Amino acid sequence: MPPVFGMPERAWVLLLATLLAVAAPAGAQKAEDLRTVVALGVGPAAGAGPAAAREAAIADAMLRVVAAAAIERLPAERLAEGFRRANDEVLSRPGDFVQDYRLLAEAPAGREHRVLLQVTLNERLLRERLLAAGLAAAEGAAPAAPRPILLQVEAGAALAHFVRFRRALLELPGVEGLQVREIRGVETALEVSFRGGVEDLARRLAAMAFEAFTVSVAQAAEEGGLRVVLAPR
């Protein structure tokens, strides 16, 4: 049984602070790739056996480590705007970024089970995943400034399709915002603020998938713009 069982709350907090202070100077095992940190994890103990409660607490500690590392690398505004992508690509599978871990201590706390975990985080992989998701710029490179790109979107009479497309468009990596410029019959002109070129945006639009309609993309008559047609399946 770990020595912290039955330890008063004040003593537990002091132990945690001491371990964090000791672990912090160790820093990275390999500066550009790995970092070792200590984290507290909490899992529900009620209705679960000891093994299940321990695993839940370990998973919680891993998530806290990965989330803290991602928050450290991204401006708050950028993380908020791309939170769905961050959740899908990073937070939903924190184990991808954990090189290894060691259980330092564990203790029950009422209806919870708490663990103290030493985690070796693969920072290189985390950087690559954030970059691939369009949430971070390559290290040493200044992020591209957003540029306006005009989209002529034709959705016919299916307003619901246009609404879903516009919502998904805001979630695309590199999209900073959009404005409705003009509505003419079944066409809507959108000005998209995008960190990248027209061809890059065209590829990302063509890759969008919806159950109710298809997305086709072509060069628009206006120079530097795109024409998007939303057609029912």
Protein backbone atom coordinates (compact mmCIF):
# COMPACT_ATOMS: atom_id res chain seq x y z
CA MET A 1 0.00 0.00 0.00
CA PRO A 2 1.49 3.43 -0.95
CA PRO A 3 2.57 5.51 2.06
CA VAL A 4 0.16 8.36 1.25
CA PHE A 5 -2.95 6.38 2.19
CA GLY A 6 -4.61 8.04 5.15
CA MET A 7 -2.46 11.15 4.74
CA PRO A 8 -4.23 14.40 5.76
CA GLU A 9 -5.22 16.78 2.94
CA ARG A 10 -2.63 19.42 4.01
CA ALA A 11 0.16 16.83 3.96
CA TRP A 12 -0.98 15.59 0.54
CA VAL A 13 -0.82 19.13 -0.90
CA LEU A 14 2.65 19.68 0.58
CA LEU A 15 3.87 16.38 -0.90
CA LEU A 16 2.49 17.32 -4.31
CA ALA A 17 4.15 20.75 -4.24
CA THR A 18 7.48 19.21 -3.20
CA LEU A 19 7.40 16.63 -5.98
CA LEU A 20 6.53 19.26 -8.56
CA ALA A 21 9.38 21.45 -7.40
CA VAL A 22 11.82 18.54 -7.59
CA ALA A 23 10.62 17.35 -11.00
CA ALA A 24 10.59 20.77 -12.69
CA PRO A 25 14.37 21.31 -12.93
CA ALA A 26 14.76 17.94 -14.60
CA GLY A 27 13.05 19.51 -17.61
CA ALA A 28 13.39 17.68 -20.85
CA GLN A 29 15.15 14.38 -21.22
CA LYS A 30 15.85 15.50 -24.75
CA ALA A 31 15.25 19.22 -25.01
CA GLU A 32 13.67 19.30 -28.45
CA ASP A 33 11.57 16.14 -28.09
CA LEU A 34 10.72 15.01 -24.56
CA ARG A 35 9.74 16.61 -21.27
CA THR A 36 9.07 14.90 -17.96
CA VAL A 37 6.43 16.37 -15.64
CA VAL A 38 4.44 15.30 -12.60
CA ALA A 39 0.64 15.61 -12.58
CA LEU A 40 -2.31 14.86 -10.33
CA GLY A 41 -5.12 12.77 -11.78
CA VAL A 42 -8.60 12.15 -10.40
CA GLY A 43 -11.00 9.36 -11.23
CA PRO A 44 -14.43 8.40 -9.85
CA ALA A 45 -14.22 5.66 -7.25
CA ALA A 46 -17.95 5.19 -6.60
CA GLY A 47 -19.29 2.15 -8.44
CA ALA A 48 -15.88 1.21 -9.84
CA GLY A 49 -13.33 -1.32 -8.69
CA PRO A 50 -9.84 -0.21 -7.61
CA ALA A 51 -8.29 -1.04 -10.99
CA ALA A 52 -10.92 0.89 -12.97
CA ALA A 53 -10.69 3.88 -10.63
CA ARG A 54 -6.88 3.88 -10.96
CA GLU A 55 -7.04 3.73 -14.77
CA ALA A 56 -9.54 6.59 -14.90
CA ALA A 57 -7.30 8.71 -12.68
CA ILE A 58 -4.23 7.90 -14.81
CA ALA A 59 -6.11 8.90 -17.97
CA ASP A 60 -7.15 12.15 -16.31
CA ALA A 61 -3.54 12.95 -15.37
CA MET A 62 -2.38 12.31 -18.95
CA LEU A 63 -5.09 14.59 -20.30
CA ARG A 64 -4.09 17.36 -17.90
CA VAL A 65 -0.44 17.13 -18.98
CA VAL A 66 -1.23 17.20 -22.70
CA ALA A 67 -3.82 19.98 -22.32
CA ALA A 68 -1.39 22.12 -20.32
CA ALA A 69 1.32 21.64 -22.96
CA ALA A 70 -1.07 22.61 -25.77
CA ILE A 71 -2.29 25.67 -23.88
CA GLU A 72 1.32 26.66 -23.26
CA ARG A 73 2.00 26.63 -27.02
CA LEU A 74 -1.14 28.37 -28.29
CA PRO A 75 -2.51 31.87 -27.70
CA ALA A 76 -5.83 31.78 -25.87
CA GLU A 77 -7.69 33.29 -28.83
CA ARG A 78 -6.23 30.75 -31.26
CA LEU A 79 -7.10 27.84 -28.97
CA ALA A 80 -10.65 29.11 -28.46
CA GLU A 81 -11.25 29.55 -32.19
CA GLY A 82 -9.89 26.11 -33.05
CA PHE A 83 -11.01 24.28 -29.93
CA ARG A 84 -12.98 21.66 -31.85
CA ARG A 85 -9.90 20.81 -33.92
CA ALA A 86 -7.73 20.79 -30.79
CA ASN A 87 -10.19 18.43 -29.12
CA ASP A 88 -10.39 16.08 -32.13
CA GLU A 89 -6.66 16.01 -32.95
CA VAL A 90 -5.06 16.29 -29.50
CA LEU A 91 -7.28 16.21 -26.41
CA SER A 92 -9.38 13.23 -27.47
CA ARG A 93 -6.29 10.96 -27.53
CA PRO A 94 -3.70 12.23 -25.05
CA GLY A 95 -2.04 8.80 -24.92
CA ASP A 96 -0.58 9.48 -28.37
CA PHE A 97 1.76 12.05 -26.84
CA VAL A 98 2.81 10.14 -23.72
CA GLN A 99 6.16 8.43 -24.24
CA ASP A 100 5.86 6.62 -20.93
CA TYR A 101 4.63 7.20 -17.39
CA ARG A 102 5.24 6.04 -13.83
CA LEU A 103 2.71 5.85 -11.01
CA LEU A 104 4.34 7.63 -8.06
CA ALA A 105 1.51 7.42 -5.53
CA GLU A 106 -2.22 6.91 -5.21
CA ALA A 107 -4.87 7.45 -2.56
CA PRO A 108 -8.65 7.34 -2.13
CA ALA A 109 -10.40 10.66 -1.41
CA GLY A 110 -14.07 10.18 -0.62
CA ARG A 111 -15.84 9.26 -3.85
CA GLU A 112 -12.67 9.89 -5.88
CA HIS A 113 -9.41 8.10 -6.49
CA ARG A 114 -6.29 10.25 -6.90
CA VAL A 115 -2.97 9.39 -8.47
CA LEU A 116 0.34 11.16 -8.74
CA LEU A 117 1.81 10.42 -12.15
CA GLN A 118 5.20 11.11 -13.68
CA VAL A 119 4.64 11.58 -17.42
CA THR A 120 7.21 11.79 -20.20
CA LEU A 121 5.60 13.94 -22.88
CA ASN A 122 6.57 13.68 -26.55
CA GLU A 123 6.65 17.40 -27.33
CA ARG A 124 7.87 16.92 -30.89
CA LEU A 125 4.79 14.87 -31.79
CA LEU A 126 2.54 17.38 -30.06
CA ARG A 127 4.08 20.23 -32.07
CA GLU A 128 3.63 18.29 -35.30
CA ARG A 129 -0.03 17.46 -34.52
CA LEU A 130 -0.84 21.09 -33.66
CA LEU A 131 0.87 22.22 -36.85
CA ALA A 132 -0.98 19.67 -38.99
CA ALA A 133 -4.29 20.79 -37.45
CA GLY A 134 -3.56 24.38 -38.45
CA LEU A 135 -3.41 25.52 -34.83
CA ALA A 136 0.28 26.43 -34.67
CA ALA A 137 2.97 27.75 -36.97
CA ALA A 138 6.23 25.93 -37.64
CA GLU A 139 8.86 26.86 -35.07
CA GLY A 140 11.12 29.64 -36.24
CA ALA A 141 8.63 30.72 -38.91
CA ALA A 142 6.28 33.67 -38.64
CA PRO A 143 2.64 32.69 -39.15
CA ALA A 144 1.22 33.74 -42.51
CA ALA A 145 -0.93 36.86 -42.38
CA PRO A 146 -4.60 36.23 -43.20
CA ARG A 147 -5.76 37.38 -46.63
CA PRO A 148 -9.28 37.93 -47.95
CA ILE A 149 -10.54 35.36 -50.48
CA LEU A 150 -13.94 35.71 -52.13
CA LEU A 151 -16.21 32.65 -52.27
CA GLN A 152 -19.28 32.54 -54.49
CA VAL A 153 -21.43 29.90 -52.81
CA GLU A 154 -24.45 28.42 -54.60
CA ALA A 155 -26.77 26.35 -52.42
CA GLY A 156 -30.03 26.54 -54.37
CA ALA A 157 -33.05 26.74 -52.10
CA ALA A 158 -31.40 24.60 -49.40
CA LEU A 159 -30.71 27.22 -46.75
CA ALA A 160 -29.92 24.51 -44.20
CA HIS A 161 -27.07 23.25 -46.41
CA PHE A 162 -25.59 26.73 -46.62
CA VAL A 163 -25.82 27.19 -42.84
CA ARG A 164 -24.03 23.89 -42.20
CA PHE A 165 -21.38 24.72 -44.80
CA ARG A 166 -20.73 28.15 -43.31
CA ARG A 167 -20.42 26.69 -39.80
CA ALA A 168 -17.95 24.04 -41.02
CA LEU A 169 -16.04 26.66 -43.00
CA LEU A 170 -15.25 28.53 -39.79
CA GLU A 171 -13.70 25.33 -38.41
CA LEU A 172 -11.29 24.83 -41.31
CA PRO A 173 -7.60 25.20 -40.39
CA GLY A 174 -6.37 28.62 -41.46
CA VAL A 175 -9.78 30.30 -41.56
CA GLU A 176 -9.80 33.35 -39.27
CA GLY A 177 -13.27 34.66 -40.04
CA LEU A 178 -15.81 35.40 -42.77
CA GLN A 179 -18.27 38.07 -43.82
CA VAL A 180 -21.33 37.98 -46.07
CA ARG A 181 -20.70 40.49 -48.87
CA GLU A 182 -23.72 40.01 -51.12
CA ILE A 183 -26.73 37.74 -51.62
CA ARG A 184 -28.04 37.36 -55.18
CA GLY A 185 -30.80 34.81 -55.66
CA VAL A 186 -29.38 31.37 -54.87
CA GLU A 187 -25.79 32.67 -54.56
CA THR A 188 -24.06 34.19 -51.56
CA ALA A 189 -20.74 36.03 -51.76
CA LEU A 190 -18.55 35.33 -48.71
CA GLU A 191 -15.26 37.03 -47.95
CA VAL A 192 -13.07 34.55 -46.07
CA SER A 193 -10.07 35.67 -44.03
CA PHE A 194 -7.64 32.82 -44.66
CA ARG A 195 -4.02 32.14 -43.66
CA GLY A 196 -2.87 30.68 -46.97
CA GLY A 197 -3.38 30.82 -50.71
CA VAL A 198 -6.41 30.28 -52.92
CA GLU A 199 -5.26 26.81 -54.01
CA ASP A 200 -4.78 25.71 -50.40
CA LEU A 201 -8.27 26.89 -49.49
CA ALA A 202 -9.69 25.16 -52.59
CA ARG A 203 -8.15 21.83 -51.52
CA ARG A 204 -9.55 22.13 -48.03
CA LEU A 205 -13.00 23.02 -49.31
CA ALA A 206 -13.00 20.09 -51.73
CA ALA A 207 -12.13 17.73 -48.88
CA MET A 208 -15.18 18.76 -46.84
CA ALA A 209 -17.77 15.99 -46.50
CA PHE A 210 -21.44 16.22 -45.54
CA GLU A 211 -24.14 13.55 -45.43
CA ALA A 212 -26.86 15.63 -47.10
CA PHE A 213 -24.95 17.39 -49.87
CA THR A 214 -21.73 17.45 -51.88
CA VAL A 215 -19.23 20.30 -52.25
CA SER A 216 -17.67 21.11 -55.63
CA VAL A 217 -15.05 23.85 -56.01
CA ALA A 218 -13.84 25.74 -59.08
CA GLN A 219 -12.07 28.99 -59.89
CA ALA A 220 -14.48 31.91 -59.89
CA ALA A 221 -14.76 34.50 -62.61
CA GLU A 222 -13.42 37.09 -60.19
CA GLU A 223 -9.63 36.99 -60.04
CA GLY A 224 -8.37 35.23 -56.92
CA GLY A 225 -11.81 33.91 -55.95
CA LEU A 226 -13.52 30.52 -55.81
CA ARG A 227 -16.93 29.21 -56.80
CA VAL A 228 -18.51 26.62 -54.50
CA VAL A 229 -21.65 24.63 -55.38
CA LEU A 230 -23.56 22.73 -52.71
CA ALA A 231 -25.62 19.99 -54.41
CA PRO A 232 -28.06 17.62 -52.65
CA ARG A 233 -26.99 13.97 -52.60
